[in-house]
C-alpha atoms as a PDB file:
ATOM      1  CA  UNK A   1      -0.091   0.083   0.100  1.00  0.00           C
ATOM      2  CA  UNK A   2       1.393   3.403  -0.916  1.00  0.00           C
ATOM      3  CA  UNK A   3       0.804   6.451   1.266  1.00  0.00           C
ATOM      4  CA  UNK A   4       1.466  10.150  -0.141  1.00  0.00           C
ATOM      5  CA  UNK A   5       1.838  13.153   1.933  1.00  0.00           C
ATOM      6  CA  UNK A   6      -0.754  15.548   1.626  1.00  0.00           C
ATOM      7  CA  UNK A   7       0.443  18.910   0.067  1.00  0.00           C
ATOM      8  CA  UNK A   8      -0.033  21.915   2.441  1.00  0.00           C
ATOM      9  CA  UNK A   9      -1.964  24.899   1.099  1.00  0.00           C
ATOM     10  CA  UNK A  10      -0.005  28.066   1.067  1.00  0.00           C
ATOM     11  CA  UNK A  11      -1.730  31.024   2.156  1.00  0.00           C
ATOM     12  CA  UNK A  12      -1.544  33.258  -0.828  1.00  0.00           C
ATOM     13  CA  UNK A  13      -0.476  36.924   0.273  1.00  0.00           C
ATOM     14  CA  UNK A  14      -1.666  40.107  -1.499  1.00  0.00           C
ATOM     15  CA  UNK A  15       0.982  41.659  -3.723  1.00  0.00           C
ATOM     16  CA  UNK A  16       1.296  45.505  -3.248  1.00  0.00           C
ATOM     17  CA  UNK A  17       2.846  47.827  -5.713  1.00  0.00           C
ATOM     18  CA  UNK A  18       5.652  49.770  -4.135  1.00  0.00           C
ATOM     19  CA  UNK A  19       7.164  53.306  -5.064  1.00  0.00           C
ATOM     20  CA  UNK A  20       8.305  53.015  -8.705  1.00  0.00           C
ATOM     21  CA  UNK A  21       6.159  50.193  -9.540  1.00  0.00           C
ATOM     22  CA  UNK A  22       2.816  52.242  -9.183  1.00  0.00           C
ATOM     23  CA  UNK A  23       1.802  53.038 -12.844  1.00  0.00           C
ATOM     24  CA  UNK A  24      -0.962  55.464 -12.072  1.00  0.00           C
ATOM     25  CA  UNK A  25      -0.080  59.106 -12.816  1.00  0.00           C
ATOM     26  CA  UNK A  26      -2.276  60.430  -9.821  1.00  0.00           C
ATOM     27  CA  UNK A  27      -2.870  58.718  -6.398  1.00  0.00           C
ATOM     28  CA  UNK A  28      -4.947  59.586  -3.504  1.00  0.00           C
ATOM     29  CA  UNK A  29      -2.434  59.865  -0.851  1.00  0.00           C
ATOM     30  CA  UNK A  30      -2.590  58.935   2.865  1.00  0.00           C
ATOM     31  CA  UNK A  31       0.319  59.962   5.061  1.00  0.00           C
ATOM     32  CA  UNK A  32       2.166  57.880   7.687  1.00  0.00           C
ATOM     33  CA  UNK A  33      -0.175  59.175  10.456  1.00  0.00           C
ATOM     34  CA  UNK A  34      -3.251  58.095   8.562  1.00  0.00           C
ATOM     35  CA  UNK A  35      -4.340  61.492   7.618  1.00  0.00           C
ATOM     36  CA  UNK A  36      -5.751  61.985   3.874  1.00  0.00           C
ATOM     37  CA  UNK A  37      -3.731  64.410   1.940  1.00  0.00           C
ATOM     38  CA  UNK A  38      -5.663  64.480  -1.225  1.00  0.00           C
ATOM     39  CA  UNK A  39      -5.012  63.584  -4.999  1.00  0.00           C
ATOM     40  CA  UNK A  40      -1.495  64.370  -6.076  1.00  0.00           C
ATOM     41  CA  UNK A  41       1.116  63.113  -8.664  1.00  0.00           C
ATOM     42  CA  UNK A  42       2.660  59.887  -8.022  1.00  0.00           C
ATOM     43  CA  UNK A  43       6.179  61.116  -8.479  1.00  0.00           C
ATOM     44  CA  UNK A  44       5.558  63.732  -5.853  1.00  0.00           C
ATOM     45  CA  UNK A  45       4.224  61.198  -3.389  1.00  0.00           C
ATOM     46  CA  UNK A  46       7.201  59.120  -3.972  1.00  0.00           C
ATOM     47  CA  UNK A  47       9.431  62.005  -3.226  1.00  0.00           C
ATOM     48  CA  UNK A  48       7.440  62.757  -0.058  1.00  0.00           C
ATOM     49  CA  UNK A  49       7.811  58.991   1.104  1.00  0.00           C
ATOM     50  CA  UNK A  50      11.529  59.137   0.346  1.00  0.00           C
ATOM     51  CA  UNK A  51      12.001  62.370   2.438  1.00  0.00           C
ATOM     52  CA  UNK A  52      10.465  60.399   5.570  1.00  0.00           C
ATOM     53  CA  UNK A  53      12.598  57.429   4.663  1.00  0.00           C
ATOM     54  CA  UNK A  54       9.393  55.309   3.871  1.00  0.00           C
ATOM     55  CA  UNK A  55       7.862  53.720   1.126  1.00  0.00           C
ATOM     56  CA  UNK A  56       4.721  54.641  -1.040  1.00  0.00           C
ATOM     57  CA  UNK A  57       2.456  51.483  -1.060  1.00  0.00           C
ATOM     58  CA  UNK A  58      -0.599  51.178  -3.414  1.00  0.00           C
ATOM     59  CA  UNK A  59      -3.121  49.764  -1.001  1.00  0.00           C
ATOM     60  CA  UNK A  60      -6.220  49.859  -3.154  1.00  0.00           C
ATOM     61  CA  UNK A  61      -5.422  49.553  -6.918  1.00  0.00           C
ATOM     62  CA  UNK A  62      -9.037  49.332  -8.198  1.00  0.00           C
ATOM     63  CA  UNK A  63     -10.040  52.897  -6.888  1.00  0.00           C
ATOM     64  CA  UNK A  64      -9.827  55.728  -9.492  1.00  0.00           C
ATOM     65  CA  UNK A  65      -7.408  57.089  -8.816  1.00  0.00           C
ATOM     66  CA  UNK A  66      -5.510  54.342  -6.713  1.00  0.00           C
ATOM     67  CA  UNK A  67      -5.170  54.925  -3.125  1.00  0.00           C
ATOM     68  CA  UNK A  68      -1.486  54.955  -1.717  1.00  0.00           C
ATOM     69  CA  UNK A  69      -0.103  55.152   1.576  1.00  0.00           C
ATOM     70  CA  UNK A  70       3.135  56.253   2.988  1.00  0.00           C
ATOM     71  CA  UNK A  71       4.480  53.630   5.318  1.00  0.00           C
ATOM     72  CA  UNK A  72       7.356  51.193   6.299  1.00  0.00           C
ATOM     73  CA  UNK A  73       6.847  48.506   3.630  1.00  0.00           C
ATOM     74  CA  UNK A  74       9.202  46.030   5.630  1.00  0.00           C
ATOM     75  CA  UNK A  75       6.990  46.442   8.786  1.00  0.00           C
ATOM     76  CA  UNK A  76       3.854  45.980   6.850  1.00  0.00           C
ATOM     77  CA  UNK A  77       5.116  42.664   5.354  1.00  0.00           C
ATOM     78  CA  UNK A  78       6.398  41.445   8.556  1.00  0.00           C
ATOM     79  CA  UNK A  79       3.097  42.199  10.196  1.00  0.00           C
ATOM     80  CA  UNK A  80       1.133  40.442   7.483  1.00  0.00           C
ATOM     81  CA  UNK A  81       3.301  37.214   7.770  1.00  0.00           C
ATOM     82  CA  UNK A  82       2.937  37.310  11.450  1.00  0.00           C
ATOM     83  CA  UNK A  83      -0.947  37.507  11.221  1.00  0.00           C
ATOM     84  CA  UNK A  84      -0.970  34.771   8.546  1.00  0.00           C
ATOM     85  CA  UNK A  85       1.060  32.489  10.849  1.00  0.00           C
ATOM     86  CA  UNK A  86      -1.207  33.163  13.934  1.00  0.00           C
ATOM     87  CA  UNK A  87      -4.192  32.377  11.754  1.00  0.00           C
ATOM     88  CA  UNK A  88      -2.650  29.187  10.552  1.00  0.00           C
ATOM     89  CA  UNK A  89      -2.074  28.141  14.248  1.00  0.00           C
ATOM     90  CA  UNK A  90      -5.565  28.834  15.138  1.00  0.00           C
ATOM     91  CA  UNK A  91      -6.809  26.804  12.242  1.00  0.00           C
ATOM     92  CA  UNK A  92      -7.678  23.119  13.297  1.00  0.00           C
ATOM     93  CA  UNK A  93      -8.217  20.540  10.927  1.00  0.00           C
ATOM     94  CA  UNK A  94     -10.915  18.070  11.829  1.00  0.00           C
ATOM     95  CA  UNK A  95      -9.354  14.547  11.920  1.00  0.00           C
ATOM     96  CA  UNK A  96     -11.315  11.414  11.583  1.00  0.00           C
ATOM     97  CA  UNK A  97     -10.631   8.965  14.540  1.00  0.00           C
ATOM     98  CA  UNK A  98     -11.743   5.326  14.293  1.00  0.00           C
ATOM     99  CA  UNK A  99     -13.246   3.428  17.069  1.00  0.00           C
ATOM    100  CA  UNK A 100     -13.249  -0.346  16.143  1.00  0.00           C
ATOM    101  CA  UNK A 101     -16.097  -2.579  17.667  1.00  0.00           C
ATOM    102  CA  UNK A 102     -16.620  -6.317  17.344  1.00  0.00           C
ATOM    103  CA  UNK A 103     -19.644  -8.402  17.307  1.00  0.00           C
ATOM    104  CA  UNK A 104     -19.181  -9.894  20.799  1.00  0.00           C
ATOM    105  CA  UNK A 105     -17.942  -6.798  22.386  1.00  0.00           C
ATOM    106  CA  UNK A 106     -18.172  -6.791  26.315  1.00  0.00           C
ATOM    107  CA  UNK A 107     -20.216  -4.044  28.030  1.00  0.00           C
ATOM    108  CA  UNK A 108     -16.901  -2.701  29.820  1.00  0.00           C
ATOM    109  CA  UNK A 109     -15.103  -2.462  26.528  1.00  0.00           C
ATOM    110  CA  UNK A 110     -18.208  -0.850  24.952  1.00  0.00           C
ATOM    111  CA  UNK A 111     -18.198   1.882  27.848  1.00  0.00           C
ATOM    112  CA  UNK A 112     -14.382   2.501  27.477  1.00  0.00           C
ATOM    113  CA  UNK A 113     -14.608   3.063  23.831  1.00  0.00           C
ATOM    114  CA  UNK A 114     -17.775   5.387  24.065  1.00  0.00           C
ATOM    115  CA  UNK A 115     -15.806   7.390  26.577  1.00  0.00           C
ATOM    116  CA  UNK A 116     -12.839   7.512  24.181  1.00  0.00           C
ATOM    117  CA  UNK A 117     -15.178   8.397  21.352  1.00  0.00           C
ATOM    118  CA  UNK A 118     -16.779  11.289  23.338  1.00  0.00           C
ATOM    119  CA  UNK A 119     -13.269  12.644  24.132  1.00  0.00           C
ATOM    120  CA  UNK A 120     -12.628  12.568  20.351  1.00  0.00           C
ATOM    121  CA  UNK A 121     -15.924  14.307  19.466  1.00  0.00           C
ATOM    122  CA  UNK A 122     -15.341  16.994  22.166  1.00  0.00           C
ATOM    123  CA  UNK A 123     -11.962  17.681  20.672  1.00  0.00           C
ATOM    124  CA  UNK A 124     -13.726  18.596  17.439  1.00  0.00           C
ATOM    125  CA  UNK A 125     -12.709  15.456  15.450  1.00  0.00           C
ATOM    126  CA  UNK A 126     -14.988  13.123  13.402  1.00  0.00           C
ATOM    127  CA  UNK A 127     -15.331   9.580  14.700  1.00  0.00           C
ATOM    128  CA  UNK A 128     -15.633   6.525  12.396  1.00  0.00           C
ATOM    129  CA  UNK A 129     -17.383   3.708  14.029  1.00  0.00           C
ATOM    130  CA  UNK A 130     -16.440   0.445  12.483  1.00  0.00           C
ATOM    131  CA  UNK A 131     -17.493  -3.032  13.162  1.00  0.00           C
ATOM    132  CA  UNK A 132     -15.943  -6.111  11.142  1.00  0.00           C
ATOM    133  CA  UNK A 133     -17.968  -9.111  10.723  1.00  0.00           C
ATOM    134  CA  UNK A 134     -15.983 -12.518  10.515  1.00  0.00           C
ATOM    135  CA  UNK A 135     -17.285 -15.916   9.425  1.00  0.00           C
ATOM    136  CA  UNK A 136     -20.690 -16.706  10.483  1.00  0.00           C
ATOM    137  CA  UNK A 137     -21.150 -13.224  12.088  1.00  0.00           C
ATOM    138  CA  UNK A 138     -21.890 -12.142   8.360  1.00  0.00           C
ATOM    139  CA  UNK A 139     -25.338 -13.804   8.480  1.00  0.00           C
ATOM    140  CA  UNK A 140     -26.268 -11.348  11.339  1.00  0.00           C
ATOM    141  CA  UNK A 141     -25.745  -7.879   9.939  1.00  0.00           C
ATOM    142  CA  UNK A 142     -29.139  -6.814  11.547  1.00  0.00           C
ATOM    143  CA  UNK A 143     -27.668  -7.327  14.975  1.00  0.00           C
ATOM    144  CA  UNK A 144     -24.430  -5.654  13.980  1.00  0.00           C
ATOM    145  CA  UNK A 145     -26.314  -2.643  12.826  1.00  0.00           C
ATOM    146  CA  UNK A 146     -28.166  -2.531  16.108  1.00  0.00           C
ATOM    147  CA  UNK A 147     -24.796  -2.662  18.050  1.00  0.00           C
ATOM    148  CA  UNK A 148     -23.707   0.610  16.229  1.00  0.00           C
ATOM    149  CA  UNK A 149     -26.902   2.234  16.801  1.00  0.00           C
ATOM    150  CA  UNK A 150     -26.779   1.415  20.339  1.00  0.00           C
ATOM    151  CA  UNK A 151     -23.165   2.783  20.572  1.00  0.00           C
ATOM    152  CA  UNK A 152     -24.223   6.067  18.686  1.00  0.00           C
ATOM    153  CA  UNK A 153     -27.061   6.339  21.230  1.00  0.00           C
ATOM    154  CA  UNK A 154     -24.809   6.080  24.233  1.00  0.00           C
ATOM    155  CA  UNK A 155     -22.771   8.840  22.803  1.00  0.00           C
ATOM    156  CA  UNK A 156     -25.731  11.176  22.936  1.00  0.00           C
ATOM    157  CA  UNK A 157     -25.288  14.321  25.129  1.00  0.00           C
ATOM    158  CA  UNK A 158     -27.561  17.051  26.388  1.00  0.00           C
ATOM    159  CA  UNK A 159     -25.075  19.904  25.357  1.00  0.00           C
ATOM    160  CA  UNK A 160     -24.321  18.462  21.882  1.00  0.00           C
ATOM    161  CA  UNK A 161     -26.311  16.793  19.125  1.00  0.00           C
ATOM    162  CA  UNK A 162     -24.986  13.947  16.981  1.00  0.00           C
ATOM    163  CA  UNK A 163     -24.658  14.584  13.166  1.00  0.00           C
ATOM    164  CA  UNK A 164     -24.580  11.553  11.202  1.00  0.00           C
ATOM    165  CA  UNK A 165     -21.983  12.553   8.343  1.00  0.00           C
ATOM    166  CA  UNK A 166     -22.088   9.075   6.926  1.00  0.00           C
ATOM    167  CA  UNK A 167     -24.954   6.765   7.832  1.00  0.00           C
ATOM    168  CA  UNK A 168     -24.429   3.064   8.778  1.00  0.00           C
ATOM    169  CA  UNK A 169     -23.460   1.162   5.655  1.00  0.00           C
ATOM    170  CA  UNK A 170     -22.123  -2.325   5.090  1.00  0.00           C
ATOM    171  CA  UNK A 171     -19.159  -2.902   2.704  1.00  0.00           C
ATOM    172  CA  UNK A 172     -18.516  -6.599   2.508  1.00  0.00           C
ATOM    173  CA  UNK A 173     -18.172  -7.720   6.047  1.00  0.00           C
ATOM    174  CA  UNK A 174     -17.410  -4.232   7.474  1.00  0.00           C
ATOM    175  CA  UNK A 175     -19.979  -1.908   8.815  1.00  0.00           C
ATOM    176  CA  UNK A 176     -19.239   1.664   9.419  1.00  0.00           C
ATOM    177  CA  UNK A 177     -20.603   5.171  10.117  1.00  0.00           C
ATOM    178  CA  UNK A 178     -18.976   8.594  10.637  1.00  0.00           C
ATOM    179  CA  UNK A 179     -20.367  10.977  13.204  1.00  0.00           C
ATOM    180  CA  UNK A 180     -19.667  14.622  14.666  1.00  0.00           C
ATOM    181  CA  UNK A 181     -20.878  16.647  17.359  1.00  0.00           C
ATOM    182  CA  UNK A 182     -22.570  19.983  17.001  1.00  0.00           C
ATOM    183  CA  UNK A 183     -23.239  22.200  19.898  1.00  0.00           C
ATOM    184  CA  UNK A 184     -26.839  22.817  20.703  1.00  0.00           C
END
């Protein structure tokens, strides 16, 4: 069996035109303190920015004339990257955790697995409940369906409702269902 690594999605950062890369003849200028100065020539705005040892950055190119701001471009890029890192760190991908049951599972084992499944669900993960039928157990799929239904019933909570993302389905001798919690 071959496993491939998932390619991580890179966050696309917005590209800004800086100084001589601004093609518009005139811009709406905002100075480094955030005060609107007015519509002036781009060359004059670049000169004003250079006098303050800052950059002229086109922040809204779709306006007519575009809006440009005098600021420290390096600081702006650093802040954007820092915000993107923070956003990526807060993003949590929901994993699918698997709980395996058997046809002749004991009450204690069932309770223990239900407790583990609740922990997974409360962490925001999806839970795949799987039951494998062996040999003559395949003749009693109706009982296997009931075992999974009872297990899901045991996971019910007053604060959360269970959403069945994939209803119980049989694939050969394997029954599976995927569930997730949703806050009431």
